[in-house]
Amino acid sequence: MYHYTHLTPFEREKTLFFLAEGKSITEIAHLLKRSKSTISRKLRRNVDPADQPIRTAR
């Protein structure tokens, strides 16, 4: 069984701050002492829908 601790509100805020500064996921993970997959998962799951490209049905 895997153990996963959620990011704290502070870590979430710092993640967005570092992202806005142009830092990579690897850099952000190192700065927060978290796994790259944790940071990547957070960003993938918590993207603002307004920032998502519009998908058209084919």
C-alpha atoms as a PDB file:
ATOM      1  CA  MET A   1       0.000   0.000   0.000  1.00  0.00           C
ATOM      2  CA  TYR A   2       1.320   3.431  -0.895  1.00  0.00           C
ATOM      3  CA  HIS A   3       1.516   6.298   1.558  1.00  0.00           C
ATOM      4  CA  TYR A   4       0.710   9.709   0.151  1.00  0.00           C
ATOM      5  CA  THR A   5       0.576  12.946   2.096  1.00  0.00           C
ATOM      6  CA  HIS A   6      -1.243  15.809   0.494  1.00  0.00           C
ATOM      7  CA  LEU A   7       0.435  19.114  -0.116  1.00  0.00           C
ATOM      8  CA  THR A   8      -0.198  21.684   2.556  1.00  0.00           C
ATOM      9  CA  PRO A   9      -1.900  24.945   1.574  1.00  0.00           C
ATOM     10  CA  PHE A  10       1.503  26.633   1.940  1.00  0.00           C
ATOM     11  CA  GLU A  11       3.124  24.101  -0.420  1.00  0.00           C
ATOM     12  CA  ARG A  12       0.316  24.586  -2.948  1.00  0.00           C
ATOM     13  CA  GLU A  13       0.807  28.348  -2.853  1.00  0.00           C
ATOM     14  CA  LYS A  14       4.579  28.001  -3.214  1.00  0.00           C
ATOM     15  CA  THR A  15       4.111  25.566  -6.121  1.00  0.00           C
ATOM     16  CA  LEU A  16       2.041  28.120  -8.026  1.00  0.00           C
ATOM     17  CA  PHE A  17       4.496  30.900  -7.126  1.00  0.00           C
ATOM     18  CA  PHE A  18       7.488  28.900  -8.384  1.00  0.00           C
ATOM     19  CA  LEU A  19       5.573  27.898 -11.513  1.00  0.00           C
ATOM     20  CA  ALA A  20       4.794  31.553 -12.238  1.00  0.00           C
ATOM     21  CA  GLU A  21       8.514  32.278 -11.874  1.00  0.00           C
ATOM     22  CA  GLY A  22       9.140  29.756 -14.653  1.00  0.00           C
ATOM     23  CA  LYS A  23      10.670  27.006 -12.527  1.00  0.00           C
ATOM     24  CA  SER A  24      10.420  23.425 -13.753  1.00  0.00           C
ATOM     25  CA  ILE A  25       8.567  20.661 -11.932  1.00  0.00           C
ATOM     26  CA  THR A  26      11.944  19.164 -10.996  1.00  0.00           C
ATOM     27  CA  GLU A  27      13.130  22.451  -9.491  1.00  0.00           C
ATOM     28  CA  ILE A  28       9.861  22.934  -7.592  1.00  0.00           C
ATOM     29  CA  ALA A  29      10.015  19.390  -6.216  1.00  0.00           C
ATOM     30  CA  HIS A  30      13.589  19.944  -5.047  1.00  0.00           C
ATOM     31  CA  LEU A  31      12.741  23.281  -3.392  1.00  0.00           C
ATOM     32  CA  LEU A  32       9.752  21.778  -1.562  1.00  0.00           C
ATOM     33  CA  LYS A  33      11.561  18.493  -0.798  1.00  0.00           C
ATOM     34  CA  ARG A  34       8.767  16.567  -2.516  1.00  0.00           C
ATOM     35  CA  SER A  35       8.650  13.975  -5.259  1.00  0.00           C
ATOM     36  CA  LYS A  36       8.387  15.201  -8.844  1.00  0.00           C
ATOM     37  CA  SER A  37       5.342  12.974  -9.265  1.00  0.00           C
ATOM     38  CA  THR A  38       3.605  14.678  -6.329  1.00  0.00           C
ATOM     39  CA  ILE A  39       4.102  18.114  -7.885  1.00  0.00           C
ATOM     40  CA  SER A  40       3.122  16.880 -11.340  1.00  0.00           C
ATOM     41  CA  ARG A  41      -0.023  15.193  -9.977  1.00  0.00           C
ATOM     42  CA  LYS A  42      -1.027  18.366  -8.145  1.00  0.00           C
ATOM     43  CA  LEU A  43      -0.646  20.475 -11.258  1.00  0.00           C
ATOM     44  CA  ARG A  44      -2.473  17.974 -13.455  1.00  0.00           C
ATOM     45  CA  ARG A  45      -5.435  17.640 -11.078  1.00  0.00           C
ATOM     46  CA  ASN A  46      -5.793  21.276 -10.097  1.00  0.00           C
ATOM     47  CA  VAL A  47      -5.611  23.145 -13.370  1.00  0.00           C
ATOM     48  CA  ASP A  48      -8.136  25.947 -13.718  1.00  0.00           C
ATOM     49  CA  PRO A  49     -10.725  24.832 -16.324  1.00  0.00           C
ATOM     50  CA  ALA A  50     -10.448  28.274 -17.946  1.00  0.00           C
ATOM     51  CA  ASP A  51      -6.807  27.452 -18.726  1.00  0.00           C
ATOM     52  CA  GLN A  52      -7.680  24.171 -20.436  1.00  0.00           C
ATOM     53  CA  PRO A  53      -7.825  24.133 -24.238  1.00  0.00           C
ATOM     54  CA  ILE A  54     -11.320  23.663 -25.596  1.00  0.00           C
ATOM     55  CA  ARG A  55     -11.824  20.192 -27.029  1.00  0.00           C
ATOM     56  CA  THR A  56     -14.108  19.745 -29.980  1.00  0.00           C
ATOM     57  CA  ALA A  57     -15.976  16.533 -30.678  1.00  0.00           C
ATOM     58  CA  ARG A  58     -14.957  14.661 -33.773  1.00  0.00           C
END
